[in-house]
Amino acid sequence: MNNSPTTHHLPHTLLVTGGAGFIGSNFIRYILNEHSDWQIINLDKLTYAGNLENLEDVKDNPRYHFVKGDIADRKLVDALFSGEYFAANSLTPNTQDLIPNTQDLTPNTQDLTPNTQDLTPNTFLQVSTDEVYGSTEKGKFIEQSPLSPNSPYAASKAAADLLCHAYWKTYQLPVIITRCSNNLGPFQFPEKFIPLAVTNALENKSIPIYGDGSNVRDWIYVADHCRALDFALQKGEPGEIYNIAANQEKTNLELVYKLLNIMHEPQSLVTFVTDRPGHDRRYALDASKITTQLGWKPTYSFEEALTTTINWYVDHEHWWRKIKSGEYAEYYQRMYPQR
């Protein structure tokens, strides 16, 4: 099995938006490690989950450049625009804040795309989510499944996908859309499910589980996701959509019990809390298209991915404690004040 895609085009520069977040920072590190002649420009507003410590080990790499800014800043984007795009945002816990979500996600895609009419990028990669399909009790969603988002966050991502597709149809902008299942791995913001469970267990605090814990998610290690994005960039066809998943479904309760077992912590730490609004029951993706057409396959089993993730948080207590305390937000505001 190929661990890297066969290159048919080698871009010189990728403009990565939101690269200081969880998936973005892992993607930047992956690209710098895998492609010695690629340049990265990381444009990030450094909102709640943007953390430059996620990229501390690459900050002095001459092929990496960080710019603090907003992708809604047309003048700034015009100045930076080059090569290929990576666009992603993750605001799932804040889905009750409808206005911030739609401002952060939908118009931003619209602000990026008009610039490309003159600048003609090689590829515009829209990194989306399985949540745009909504929930299903059985079966799996394919790329042609209708969009049926059930939360403001999912609706804003679906809207961004539709905008990207419209620019492909109208202006032949070379857009590729990927939709991935739940990620786990290092540098994920500690309020998310798995890092919250791990860090709370390390602090001997209760671990909240929404509802009865029977919600089902398909989990993929973030490094496998990053490699799939590399495949999509190099081998994907403009105008196409590719689902990315590892076929590793777990209920939330099953996952947290497995996590506690690995950590040798008691199940009594689990506390059931009121379910959150718009909480979909089950996400499931059919990823056979990217497997058969592009040759990508996941390499991490769920057990390996979960153990590796737990060990990372155990070994990086300084990272997550600073974030949980709120110290990092004050630091980055001093270092990178608003323009």
C-alpha atoms as a PDB file:
ATOM      1  CA  MET A   1       0.000   0.000   0.000  1.00  0.00           C
ATOM      2  CA  ASN A   2       1.284   3.477  -0.868  1.00  0.00           C
ATOM      3  CA  ASN A   3       2.018   5.683   2.110  1.00  0.00           C
ATOM      4  CA  SER A   4       2.258   8.742  -0.132  1.00  0.00           C
ATOM      5  CA  PRO A   5       0.460   9.680  -3.335  1.00  0.00           C
ATOM      6  CA  THR A   6       2.202   9.529  -6.683  1.00  0.00           C
ATOM      7  CA  THR A   7       2.821  13.120  -7.652  1.00  0.00           C
ATOM      8  CA  HIS A   8       1.352  14.446 -10.885  1.00  0.00           C
ATOM      9  CA  HIS A   9       1.829  18.092  -9.927  1.00  0.00           C
ATOM     10  CA  LEU A  10       4.211  19.602  -7.410  1.00  0.00           C
ATOM     11  CA  PRO A  11       2.937  22.930  -6.101  1.00  0.00           C
ATOM     12  CA  HIS A  12       5.487  25.347  -4.755  1.00  0.00           C
ATOM     13  CA  THR A  13       3.290  27.118  -2.223  1.00  0.00           C
ATOM     14  CA  LEU A  14       0.243  26.171  -0.176  1.00  0.00           C
ATOM     15  CA  LEU A  15      -1.783  28.839   1.566  1.00  0.00           C
ATOM     16  CA  VAL A  16      -3.224  27.094   4.606  1.00  0.00           C
ATOM     17  CA  THR A  17      -6.071  28.874   6.351  1.00  0.00           C
ATOM     18  CA  GLY A  18      -6.600  28.078  10.020  1.00  0.00           C
ATOM     19  CA  GLY A  19      -3.273  26.274  10.168  1.00  0.00           C
ATOM     20  CA  ALA A  20      -2.740  26.890  13.887  1.00  0.00           C
ATOM     21  CA  GLY A  21      -5.632  24.626  14.799  1.00  0.00           C
ATOM     22  CA  PHE A  22      -5.772  20.881  15.314  1.00  0.00           C
ATOM     23  CA  ILE A  23      -6.037  19.458  11.801  1.00  0.00           C
ATOM     24  CA  GLY A  24      -4.340  22.441  10.171  1.00  0.00           C
ATOM     25  CA  SER A  25      -1.198  22.205  12.292  1.00  0.00           C
ATOM     26  CA  ASN A  26      -0.948  18.451  11.771  1.00  0.00           C
ATOM     27  CA  PHE A  27      -1.382  18.976   8.040  1.00  0.00           C
ATOM     28  CA  ILE A  28       1.359  21.624   7.910  1.00  0.00           C
ATOM     29  CA  ARG A  29       3.767  19.377   9.779  1.00  0.00           C
ATOM     30  CA  TYR A  30       2.896  16.461   7.497  1.00  0.00           C
ATOM     31  CA  ILE A  31       3.486  18.463   4.312  1.00  0.00           C
ATOM     32  CA  LEU A  32       6.797  19.899   5.519  1.00  0.00           C
ATOM     33  CA  ASN A  33       7.979  16.404   6.418  1.00  0.00           C
ATOM     34  CA  GLU A  34       6.784  14.714   3.224  1.00  0.00           C
ATOM     35  CA  HIS A  35       7.567  17.349   0.583  1.00  0.00           C
ATOM     36  CA  SER A  36      10.967  18.971   0.838  1.00  0.00           C
ATOM     37  CA  ASP A  37      10.285  21.476  -1.966  1.00  0.00           C
ATOM     38  CA  TRP A  38       6.878  22.725  -0.776  1.00  0.00           C
ATOM     39  CA  GLN A  39       6.380  26.101   0.905  1.00  0.00           C
ATOM     40  CA  ILE A  40       3.632  26.767   3.478  1.00  0.00           C
ATOM     41  CA  ILE A  41       1.962  30.083   4.297  1.00  0.00           C
ATOM     42  CA  ASN A  42      -0.204  29.705   7.385  1.00  0.00           C
ATOM     43  CA  LEU A  43      -2.924  32.358   7.618  1.00  0.00           C
ATOM     44  CA  ASP A  44      -4.700  32.184  10.962  1.00  0.00           C
ATOM     45  CA  LYS A  45      -6.769  34.667  12.956  1.00  0.00           C
ATOM     46  CA  LEU A  46      -5.803  32.875  16.201  1.00  0.00           C
ATOM     47  CA  THR A  47      -9.312  32.546  17.543  1.00  0.00           C
ATOM     48  CA  TYR A  48     -10.204  30.230  20.426  1.00  0.00           C
ATOM     49  CA  ALA A  49      -8.579  27.075  19.012  1.00  0.00           C
ATOM     50  CA  GLY A  50      -5.723  28.697  17.103  1.00  0.00           C
ATOM     51  CA  ASN A  51      -2.527  28.056  19.031  1.00  0.00           C
ATOM     52  CA  LEU A  52       0.950  28.720  17.638  1.00  0.00           C
ATOM     53  CA  GLU A  53       2.437  26.303  20.149  1.00  0.00           C
ATOM     54  CA  ASN A  54       0.942  23.610  17.911  1.00  0.00           C
ATOM     55  CA  LEU A  55       3.673  24.528  15.398  1.00  0.00           C
ATOM     56  CA  GLU A  56       6.512  25.369  17.741  1.00  0.00           C
ATOM     57  CA  ASP A  57       8.709  22.665  16.208  1.00  0.00           C
ATOM     58  CA  VAL A  58       8.417  24.084  12.675  1.00  0.00           C
ATOM     59  CA  LYS A  59       8.341  27.833  13.339  1.00  0.00           C
ATOM     60  CA  ASP A  60      11.982  28.264  12.263  1.00  0.00           C
ATOM     61  CA  ASN A  61      11.630  26.128   9.142  1.00  0.00           C
ATOM     62  CA  PRO A  62      12.526  28.401   6.171  1.00  0.00           C
ATOM     63  CA  ARG A  63       9.700  26.826   4.169  1.00  0.00           C
ATOM     64  CA  TYR A  64       7.062  27.805   6.760  1.00  0.00           C
ATOM     65  CA  HIS A  65       5.631  31.288   7.178  1.00  0.00           C
ATOM     66  CA  PHE A  66       2.964  32.431   9.632  1.00  0.00           C
ATOM     67  CA  VAL A  67       0.709  35.428   9.059  1.00  0.00           C
ATOM     68  CA  LYS A  68      -1.872  36.516  11.609  1.00  0.00           C
ATOM     69  CA  GLY A  69      -4.943  37.661   9.749  1.00  0.00           C
ATOM     70  CA  ASP A  70      -8.514  37.063   8.686  1.00  0.00           C
ATOM     71  CA  ILE A  71      -9.406  35.369   5.411  1.00  0.00           C
ATOM     72  CA  ALA A  72     -12.209  37.950   5.148  1.00  0.00           C
ATOM     73  CA  ASP A  73      -9.477  40.601   4.695  1.00  0.00           C
ATOM     74  CA  ARG A  74      -9.499  40.768   0.904  1.00  0.00           C
ATOM     75  CA  LYS A  75      -6.435  42.999   0.655  1.00  0.00           C
ATOM     76  CA  LEU A  76      -4.370  40.670   2.827  1.00  0.00           C
ATOM     77  CA  VAL A  77      -5.534  37.530   1.013  1.00  0.00           C
ATOM     78  CA  ASP A  78      -4.758  39.091  -2.373  1.00  0.00           C
ATOM     79  CA  ALA A  79      -1.235  39.770  -1.152  1.00  0.00           C
ATOM     80  CA  LEU A  80      -0.738  36.223   0.119  1.00  0.00           C
ATOM     81  CA  PHE A  81      -2.639  34.219  -2.460  1.00  0.00           C
ATOM     82  CA  SER A  82      -0.435  31.677  -4.164  1.00  0.00           C
ATOM     83  CA  GLY A  83      -0.602  27.993  -5.093  1.00  0.00           C
ATOM     84  CA  GLU A  84      -3.157  25.834  -3.320  1.00  0.00           C
ATOM     85  CA  TYR A  85      -5.664  26.328  -0.532  1.00  0.00           C
ATOM     86  CA  PHE A  86      -6.476  24.335   2.559  1.00  0.00           C
ATOM     87  CA  ALA A  87      -9.625  25.685   4.230  1.00  0.00           C
ATOM     88  CA  ALA A  88     -10.962  24.295   7.484  1.00  0.00           C
ATOM     89  CA  ASN A  89     -12.545  25.515  10.696  1.00  0.00           C
ATOM     90  CA  SER A  90     -13.869  23.638  13.696  1.00  0.00           C
ATOM     91  CA  LEU A  91     -16.429  25.373  15.888  1.00  0.00           C
ATOM     92  CA  THR A  92     -18.594  22.402  16.829  1.00  0.00           C
ATOM     93  CA  PRO A  93     -18.963  23.133  20.575  1.00  0.00           C
ATOM     94  CA  ASN A  94     -20.162  26.666  19.809  1.00  0.00           C
ATOM     95  CA  THR A  95     -22.995  25.708  17.478  1.00  0.00           C
ATOM     96  CA  GLN A  96     -25.465  27.668  19.582  1.00  0.00           C
ATOM     97  CA  ASP A  97     -23.715  30.825  18.387  1.00  0.00           C
ATOM     98  CA  LEU A  98     -25.330  30.899  14.952  1.00  0.00           C
ATOM     99  CA  ILE A  99     -24.053  34.304  13.857  1.00  0.00           C
ATOM    100  CA  PRO A 100     -20.353  33.692  14.642  1.00  0.00           C
ATOM    101  CA  ASN A 101     -20.511  30.364  12.824  1.00  0.00           C
ATOM    102  CA  THR A 102     -22.024  31.692   9.644  1.00  0.00           C
ATOM    103  CA  GLN A 103     -19.658  34.657   9.668  1.00  0.00           C
ATOM    104  CA  ASP A 104     -16.614  32.506  10.265  1.00  0.00           C
ATOM    105  CA  LEU A 105     -17.405  29.813   7.730  1.00  0.00           C
ATOM    106  CA  THR A 106     -19.755  30.707   4.902  1.00  0.00           C
ATOM    107  CA  PRO A 107     -18.720  34.278   3.983  1.00  0.00           C
ATOM    108  CA  ASN A 108     -15.053  33.392   4.412  1.00  0.00           C
ATOM    109  CA  THR A 109     -15.258  30.859   1.618  1.00  0.00           C
ATOM    110  CA  GLN A 110     -17.015  33.465  -0.491  1.00  0.00           C
ATOM    111  CA  ASP A 111     -14.293  36.003   0.330  1.00  0.00           C
ATOM    112  CA  LEU A 112     -11.589  33.594  -0.786  1.00  0.00           C
ATOM    113  CA  THR A 113     -13.127  32.407  -4.012  1.00  0.00           C
ATOM    114  CA  PRO A 114     -13.614  35.657  -6.004  1.00  0.00           C
ATOM    115  CA  ASN A 115      -9.916  36.406  -5.724  1.00  0.00           C
ATOM    116  CA  THR A 116      -9.132  33.236  -7.626  1.00  0.00           C
ATOM    117  CA  GLN A 117     -10.683  34.429 -10.881  1.00  0.00           C
ATOM    118  CA  ASP A 118      -7.545  36.409 -11.670  1.00  0.00           C
ATOM    119  CA  LEU A 119      -4.996  34.457  -9.641  1.00  0.00           C
ATOM    120  CA  THR A 120      -5.956  31.007 -10.991  1.00  0.00           C
ATOM    121  CA  PRO A 121      -4.725  28.624  -8.269  1.00  0.00           C
ATOM    122  CA  ASN A 122      -3.800  25.071  -9.159  1.00  0.00           C
ATOM    123  CA  THR A 123      -6.242  23.664  -6.612  1.00  0.00           C
ATOM    124  CA  PHE A 124      -8.711  25.008  -4.070  1.00  0.00           C
ATOM    125  CA  LEU A 125      -9.124  22.322  -1.413  1.00  0.00           C
ATOM    126  CA  GLN A 126     -12.254  22.699   0.716  1.00  0.00           C
ATOM    127  CA  VAL A 127     -11.903  20.554   3.834  1.00  0.00           C
ATOM    128  CA  SER A 128     -15.404  19.773   5.032  1.00  0.00           C
ATOM    129  CA  THR A 129     -17.075  17.342   7.417  1.00  0.00           C
ATOM    130  CA  ASP A 130     -19.355  14.309   7.528  1.00  0.00           C
ATOM    131  CA  GLU A 131     -21.838  16.434   9.475  1.00  0.00           C
ATOM    132  CA  VAL A 132     -23.133  18.011   6.252  1.00  0.00           C
ATOM    133  CA  TYR A 133     -24.972  14.760   5.460  1.00  0.00           C
ATOM    134  CA  GLY A 134     -26.853  14.729   8.754  1.00  0.00           C
ATOM    135  CA  SER A 135     -27.582  11.598  10.771  1.00  0.00           C
ATOM    136  CA  THR A 136     -28.382   8.073   9.646  1.00  0.00           C
ATOM    137  CA  GLU A 137     -29.506   5.023  11.622  1.00  0.00           C
ATOM    138  CA  LYS A 138     -28.106   2.552   9.096  1.00  0.00           C
ATOM    139  CA  GLY A 139     -25.970   2.472   5.993  1.00  0.00           C
ATOM    140  CA  LYS A 140     -23.305   4.978   5.008  1.00  0.00           C
ATOM    141  CA  PHE A 141     -23.295   8.255   3.159  1.00  0.00           C
ATOM    142  CA  ILE A 142     -21.719   8.420  -0.279  1.00  0.00           C
ATOM    143  CA  GLU A 143     -20.547  11.572  -2.024  1.00  0.00           C
ATOM    144  CA  GLN A 144     -23.855  11.826  -3.928  1.00  0.00           C
ATOM    145  CA  SER A 145     -25.968  11.632  -0.755  1.00  0.00           C
ATOM    146  CA  PRO A 146     -28.171  14.708  -0.231  1.00  0.00           C
ATOM    147  CA  LEU A 147     -26.960  17.293   2.255  1.00  0.00           C
ATOM    148  CA  SER A 148     -29.129  17.431   5.368  1.00  0.00           C
ATOM    149  CA  PRO A 149     -27.262  19.333   8.117  1.00  0.00           C
ATOM    150  CA  ASN A 150     -28.932  19.442  11.516  1.00  0.00           C
ATOM    151  CA  SER A 151     -26.917  22.097  13.354  1.00  0.00           C
ATOM    152  CA  PRO A 152     -25.870  25.670  12.490  1.00  0.00           C
ATOM    153  CA  TYR A 153     -22.240  24.528  12.294  1.00  0.00           C
ATOM    154  CA  ALA A 154     -23.060  21.717   9.865  1.00  0.00           C
ATOM    155  CA  ALA A 155     -25.305  24.025   7.834  1.00  0.00           C
ATOM    156  CA  SER A 156     -22.522  26.599   7.506  1.00  0.00           C
ATOM    157  CA  LYS A 157     -20.106  23.917   6.299  1.00  0.00           C
ATOM    158  CA  ALA A 158     -22.673  22.649   3.792  1.00  0.00           C
ATOM    159  CA  ALA A 159     -23.146  26.217   2.559  1.00  0.00           C
ATOM    160  CA  ALA A 160     -19.392  26.588   2.100  1.00  0.00           C
ATOM    161  CA  ASP A 161     -19.315  23.326   0.125  1.00  0.00           C
ATOM    162  CA  LEU A 162     -22.099  24.572  -2.142  1.00  0.00           C
ATOM    163  CA  LEU A 163     -20.317  27.886  -2.713  1.00  0.00           C
ATOM    164  CA  CYS A 164     -17.158  26.060  -3.699  1.00  0.00           C
ATOM    165  CA  HIS A 165     -19.074  23.789  -6.060  1.00  0.00           C
ATOM    166  CA  ALA A 166     -20.793  26.823  -7.588  1.00  0.00           C
ATOM    167  CA  TYR A 167     -17.441  28.454  -8.331  1.00  0.00           C
ATOM    168  CA  TRP A 168     -16.318  25.239 -10.004  1.00  0.00           C
ATOM    169  CA  LYS A 169     -19.407  25.140 -12.198  1.00  0.00           C
ATOM    170  CA  THR A 170     -19.519  28.866 -12.956  1.00  0.00           C
ATOM    171  CA  TYR A 171     -15.862  29.879 -13.201  1.00  0.00           C
ATOM    172  CA  GLN A 172     -14.130  26.496 -13.541  1.00  0.00           C
ATOM    173  CA  LEU A 173     -12.272  27.201 -10.295  1.00  0.00           C
ATOM    174  CA  PRO A 174     -10.395  23.899  -9.654  1.00  0.00           C
ATOM    175  CA  VAL A 175     -12.195  23.005  -6.429  1.00  0.00           C
ATOM    176  CA  ILE A 176     -11.866  19.671  -4.644  1.00  0.00           C
ATOM    177  CA  ILE A 177     -14.047  18.985  -1.597  1.00  0.00           C
ATOM    178  CA  THR A 178     -13.186  16.436   1.100  1.00  0.00           C
ATOM    179  CA  ARG A 179     -15.511  15.331   3.885  1.00  0.00           C
ATOM    180  CA  CYS A 180     -13.947  13.530   6.816  1.00  0.00           C
ATOM    181  CA  SER A 181     -15.180  11.654   9.851  1.00  0.00           C
ATOM    182  CA  ASN A 182     -14.150  12.480  13.446  1.00  0.00           C
ATOM    183  CA  ASN A 183     -10.417  12.990  13.964  1.00  0.00           C
ATOM    184  CA  LEU A 184      -8.306  12.115  16.981  1.00  0.00           C
ATOM    185  CA  GLY A 185      -4.669  12.860  17.622  1.00  0.00           C
ATOM    186  CA  PRO A 186      -2.202  15.389  19.093  1.00  0.00           C
ATOM    187  CA  PHE A 187      -2.848  19.128  19.454  1.00  0.00           C
ATOM    188  CA  GLN A 188      -6.637  18.871  19.554  1.00  0.00           C
ATOM    189  CA  PHE A 189      -8.257  21.607  21.637  1.00  0.00           C
ATOM    190  CA  PRO A 190      -8.869  20.214  25.156  1.00  0.00           C
ATOM    191  CA  GLU A 191     -12.605  20.942  25.188  1.00  0.00           C
ATOM    192  CA  LYS A 192     -13.123  18.334  22.454  1.00  0.00           C
ATOM    193  CA  PHE A 193     -14.376  14.894  23.461  1.00  0.00           C
ATOM    194  CA  ILE A 194     -11.224  12.741  23.490  1.00  0.00           C
ATOM    195  CA  PRO A 195      -8.697  15.292  24.831  1.00  0.00           C
ATOM    196  CA  LEU A 196     -11.242  16.394  27.435  1.00  0.00           C
ATOM    197  CA  ALA A 197     -11.728  12.791  28.548  1.00  0.00           C
ATOM    198  CA  VAL A 198      -7.969  12.135  28.702  1.00  0.00           C
ATOM    199  CA  THR A 199      -7.059  15.328  30.534  1.00  0.00           C
ATOM    200  CA  ASN A 200      -9.977  15.081  32.958  1.00  0.00           C
ATOM    201  CA  ALA A 201      -8.969  11.502  33.750  1.00  0.00           C
ATOM    202  CA  LEU A 202      -5.407  12.687  34.401  1.00  0.00           C
ATOM    203  CA  GLU A 203      -6.824  15.318  36.760  1.00  0.00           C
ATOM    204  CA  ASN A 204      -9.208  12.804  38.395  1.00  0.00           C
ATOM    205  CA  LYS A 205     -12.192  14.857  37.229  1.00  0.00           C
ATOM    206  CA  SER A 206     -15.504  13.607  35.912  1.00  0.00           C
ATOM    207  CA  ILE A 207     -15.880  12.966  32.186  1.00  0.00           C
ATOM    208  CA  PRO A 208     -19.171  14.300  30.784  1.00  0.00           C
ATOM    209  CA  ILE A 209     -21.066  12.150  28.276  1.00  0.00           C
ATOM    210  CA  TYR A 210     -23.980  13.659  26.367  1.00  0.00           C
ATOM    211  CA  GLY A 211     -27.308  11.860  26.678  1.00  0.00           C
ATOM    212  CA  ASP A 212     -27.000   8.097  27.108  1.00  0.00           C
ATOM    213  CA  GLY A 213     -23.650   7.835  25.303  1.00  0.00           C
ATOM    214  CA  SER A 214     -25.057   5.860  22.381  1.00  0.00           C
ATOM    215  CA  ASN A 215     -24.208   8.433  19.697  1.00  0.00           C
ATOM    216  CA  VAL A 216     -21.995   6.793  17.066  1.00  0.00           C
ATOM    217  CA  ARG A 217     -18.971   8.322  15.362  1.00  0.00           C
ATOM    218  CA  ASP A 218     -16.440   6.922  12.894  1.00  0.00           C
ATOM    219  CA  TRP A 219     -12.925   7.787  14.088  1.00  0.00           C
ATOM    220  CA  ILE A 220      -9.779   8.398  12.053  1.00  0.00           C
ATOM    221  CA  TYR A 221      -6.280   9.290  13.214  1.00  0.00           C
ATOM    222  CA  VAL A 222      -5.384  12.809  12.130  1.00  0.00           C
ATOM    223  CA  ALA A 223      -2.207  11.678  10.328  1.00  0.00           C
ATOM    224  CA  ASP A 224      -4.307   9.415   8.099  1.00  0.00           C
ATOM    225  CA  HIS A 225      -6.602  12.355   7.359  1.00  0.00           C
ATOM    226  CA  CYS A 226      -3.632  14.568   6.446  1.00  0.00           C
ATOM    227  CA  ARG A 227      -2.299  11.903   4.110  1.00  0.00           C
ATOM    228  CA  ALA A 228      -5.728  11.649   2.470  1.00  0.00           C
ATOM    229  CA  LEU A 229      -5.682  15.410   1.886  1.00  0.00           C
ATOM    230  CA  ASP A 230      -2.289  15.020   0.223  1.00  0.00           C
ATOM    231  CA  PHE A 231      -3.792  12.361  -2.056  1.00  0.00           C
ATOM    232  CA  ALA A 232      -6.711  14.665  -2.868  1.00  0.00           C
ATOM    233  CA  LEU A 233      -4.382  17.576  -3.682  1.00  0.00           C
ATOM    234  CA  GLN A 234      -2.135  15.565  -5.953  1.00  0.00           C
ATOM    235  CA  LYS A 235      -4.442  12.976  -7.480  1.00  0.00           C
ATOM    236  CA  GLY A 236      -7.955  14.337  -7.014  1.00  0.00           C
ATOM    237  CA  GLU A 237     -10.013  15.670  -9.883  1.00  0.00           C
ATOM    238  CA  PRO A 238     -11.417  19.226  -9.846  1.00  0.00           C
ATOM    239  CA  GLY A 239     -15.138  19.320  -9.138  1.00  0.00           C
ATOM    240  CA  GLU A 240     -15.044  16.028  -7.237  1.00  0.00           C
ATOM    241  CA  ILE A 241     -15.961  15.232  -3.633  1.00  0.00           C
ATOM    242  CA  TYR A 242     -14.098  12.598  -1.607  1.00  0.00           C
ATOM    243  CA  ASN A 243     -15.289  11.081   1.672  1.00  0.00           C
ATOM    244  CA  ILE A 244     -12.491  10.234   4.114  1.00  0.00           C
ATOM    245  CA  ALA A 245     -13.068   7.652   6.847  1.00  0.00           C
ATOM    246  CA  ALA A 246     -11.397   4.704   8.536  1.00  0.00           C
ATOM    247  CA  ASN A 247     -14.480   2.518   9.107  1.00  0.00           C
ATOM    248  CA  GLN A 248     -13.968   2.506  12.886  1.00  0.00           C
ATOM    249  CA  GLU A 249     -17.365   3.266  14.408  1.00  0.00           C
ATOM    250  CA  LYS A 250     -17.712   3.546  18.171  1.00  0.00           C
ATOM    251  CA  THR A 251     -20.417   4.790  20.474  1.00  0.00           C
ATOM    252  CA  ASN A 252     -19.262   7.620  22.714  1.00  0.00           C
ATOM    253  CA  LEU A 253     -19.658   5.418  25.767  1.00  0.00           C
ATOM    254  CA  GLU A 254     -17.736   2.547  24.177  1.00  0.00           C
ATOM    255  CA  LEU A 255     -14.930   4.943  23.286  1.00  0.00           C
ATOM    256  CA  VAL A 256     -14.600   6.498  26.725  1.00  0.00           C
ATOM    257  CA  TYR A 257     -14.649   3.111  28.469  1.00  0.00           C
ATOM    258  CA  LYS A 258     -11.879   1.907  26.146  1.00  0.00           C
ATOM    259  CA  LEU A 259      -9.940   5.094  26.852  1.00  0.00           C
ATOM    260  CA  LEU A 260     -10.273   4.652  30.621  1.00  0.00           C
ATOM    261  CA  ASN A 261      -9.210   1.021  30.338  1.00  0.00           C
ATOM    262  CA  ILE A 262      -6.024   2.018  28.492  1.00  0.00           C
ATOM    263  CA  MET A 263      -5.329   4.661  31.141  1.00  0.00           C
ATOM    264  CA  HIS A 264      -6.155   2.266  34.003  1.00  0.00           C
ATOM    265  CA  GLU A 265      -8.722   4.728  35.321  1.00  0.00           C
ATOM    266  CA  PRO A 266     -12.148   3.818  36.808  1.00  0.00           C
ATOM    267  CA  GLN A 267     -15.355   3.950  34.792  1.00  0.00           C
ATOM    268  CA  SER A 268     -16.903   5.809  37.706  1.00  0.00           C
ATOM    269  CA  LEU A 269     -15.380   9.000  36.259  1.00  0.00           C
ATOM    270  CA  VAL A 270     -18.100   8.950  33.573  1.00  0.00           C
ATOM    271  CA  THR A 271     -20.950  11.391  34.216  1.00  0.00           C
ATOM    272  CA  PHE A 272     -24.012  11.595  31.967  1.00  0.00           C
ATOM    273  CA  VAL A 273     -25.152  15.129  31.139  1.00  0.00           C
ATOM    274  CA  THR A 274     -28.062  16.647  29.233  1.00  0.00           C
ATOM    275  CA  ASP A 275     -27.737  16.056  25.511  1.00  0.00           C
ATOM    276  CA  ARG A 276     -26.729  19.060  23.427  1.00  0.00           C
ATOM    277  CA  PRO A 277     -29.094  20.584  20.839  1.00  0.00           C
ATOM    278  CA  GLY A 278     -28.850  19.200  17.319  1.00  0.00           C
ATOM    279  CA  HIS A 279     -26.723  16.256  18.452  1.00  0.00           C
ATOM    280  CA  ASP A 280     -26.825  13.812  15.524  1.00  0.00           C
ATOM    281  CA  ARG A 281     -27.174  10.145  16.433  1.00  0.00           C
ATOM    282  CA  ARG A 282     -24.803   8.546  13.934  1.00  0.00           C
ATOM    283  CA  TYR A 283     -22.368   9.612  11.241  1.00  0.00           C
ATOM    284  CA  ALA A 284     -21.035   7.052   8.782  1.00  0.00           C
ATOM    285  CA  LEU A 285     -19.148   7.589   5.538  1.00  0.00           C
ATOM    286  CA  ASP A 286     -18.457   5.303   2.601  1.00  0.00           C
ATOM    287  CA  ALA A 287     -14.845   6.133   1.682  1.00  0.00           C
ATOM    288  CA  SER A 288     -14.528   3.636  -1.160  1.00  0.00           C
ATOM    289  CA  LYS A 289     -14.211   6.397  -3.783  1.00  0.00           C
ATOM    290  CA  ILE A 290     -10.933   7.836  -2.461  1.00  0.00           C
ATOM    291  CA  THR A 291      -9.678   4.287  -1.869  1.00  0.00           C
ATOM    292  CA  THR A 292     -10.438   2.906  -5.313  1.00  0.00           C
ATOM    293  CA  GLN A 293      -9.856   6.026  -7.413  1.00  0.00           C
ATOM    294  CA  LEU A 294      -6.925   7.667  -5.601  1.00  0.00           C
ATOM    295  CA  GLY A 295      -5.357   4.691  -3.806  1.00  0.00           C
ATOM    296  CA  TRP A 296      -5.546   6.069  -0.250  1.00  0.00           C
ATOM    297  CA  LYS A 297      -6.134   3.787   2.734  1.00  0.00           C
ATOM    298  CA  PRO A 298      -5.921   4.460   6.488  1.00  0.00           C
ATOM    299  CA  THR A 299      -2.907   2.980   8.267  1.00  0.00           C
ATOM    300  CA  TYR A 300      -3.782   3.369  11.966  1.00  0.00           C
ATOM    301  CA  SER A 301      -6.142   0.995  13.738  1.00  0.00           C
ATOM    302  CA  PHE A 302      -8.483   2.592  16.253  1.00  0.00           C
ATOM    303  CA  GLU A 303      -6.643   1.037  19.198  1.00  0.00           C
ATOM    304  CA  GLU A 304      -3.279   2.257  17.922  1.00  0.00           C
ATOM    305  CA  ALA A 305      -4.627   5.731  17.228  1.00  0.00           C
ATOM    306  CA  LEU A 306      -6.297   6.032  20.622  1.00  0.00           C
ATOM    307  CA  THR A 307      -3.258   4.756  22.543  1.00  0.00           C
ATOM    308  CA  THR A 308      -0.934   7.084  20.613  1.00  0.00           C
ATOM    309  CA  THR A 309      -3.257  10.012  21.288  1.00  0.00           C
ATOM    310  CA  ILE A 310      -3.525   9.270  25.010  1.00  0.00           C
ATOM    311  CA  ASN A 311       0.245   8.974  25.320  1.00  0.00           C
ATOM    312  CA  TRP A 312       0.708  12.321  23.582  1.00  0.00           C
ATOM    313  CA  TYR A 313      -1.507  14.135  26.100  1.00  0.00           C
ATOM    314  CA  VAL A 314       0.199  12.362  28.977  1.00  0.00           C
ATOM    315  CA  ASP A 315       3.579  13.518  27.656  1.00  0.00           C
ATOM    316  CA  HIS A 316       2.448  17.093  26.890  1.00  0.00           C
ATOM    317  CA  GLU A 317       0.776  18.133  30.116  1.00  0.00           C
ATOM    318  CA  HIS A 318       2.319  21.600  29.880  1.00  0.00           C
ATOM    319  CA  TRP A 319       0.507  22.179  26.566  1.00  0.00           C
ATOM    320  CA  TRP A 320      -3.012  21.324  27.640  1.00  0.00           C
ATOM    321  CA  ARG A 321      -2.770  22.768  31.144  1.00  0.00           C
ATOM    322  CA  LYS A 322      -1.836  26.162  29.719  1.00  0.00           C
ATOM    323  CA  ILE A 323      -4.842  26.034  27.394  1.00  0.00           C
ATOM    324  CA  LYS A 324      -7.267  24.873  30.073  1.00  0.00           C
ATOM    325  CA  SER A 325      -6.143  27.684  32.354  1.00  0.00           C
ATOM    326  CA  GLY A 326      -6.697  30.321  29.676  1.00  0.00           C
ATOM    327  CA  GLU A 327      -3.084  31.465  29.884  1.00  0.00           C
ATOM    328  CA  TYR A 328      -2.395  30.916  26.189  1.00  0.00           C
ATOM    329  CA  ALA A 329      -5.141  33.340  25.062  1.00  0.00           C
ATOM    330  CA  GLU A 330      -3.579  36.237  26.973  1.00  0.00           C
ATOM    331  CA  TYR A 331      -0.102  35.369  25.685  1.00  0.00           C
ATOM    332  CA  TYR A 332      -1.056  35.323  22.009  1.00  0.00           C
ATOM    333  CA  GLN A 333      -3.025  38.524  22.290  1.00  0.00           C
ATOM    334  CA  ARG A 334       0.148  40.212  23.550  1.00  0.00           C
ATOM    335  CA  MET A 335       2.378  38.608  20.921  1.00  0.00           C
ATOM    336  CA  TYR A 336      -0.002  39.044  17.979  1.00  0.00           C
ATOM    337  CA  PRO A 337      -2.338  41.984  18.664  1.00  0.00           C
ATOM    338  CA  GLN A 338      -5.188  42.702  16.265  1.00  0.00           C
ATOM    339  CA  ARG A 339      -4.136  44.552  13.137  1.00  0.00           C
END
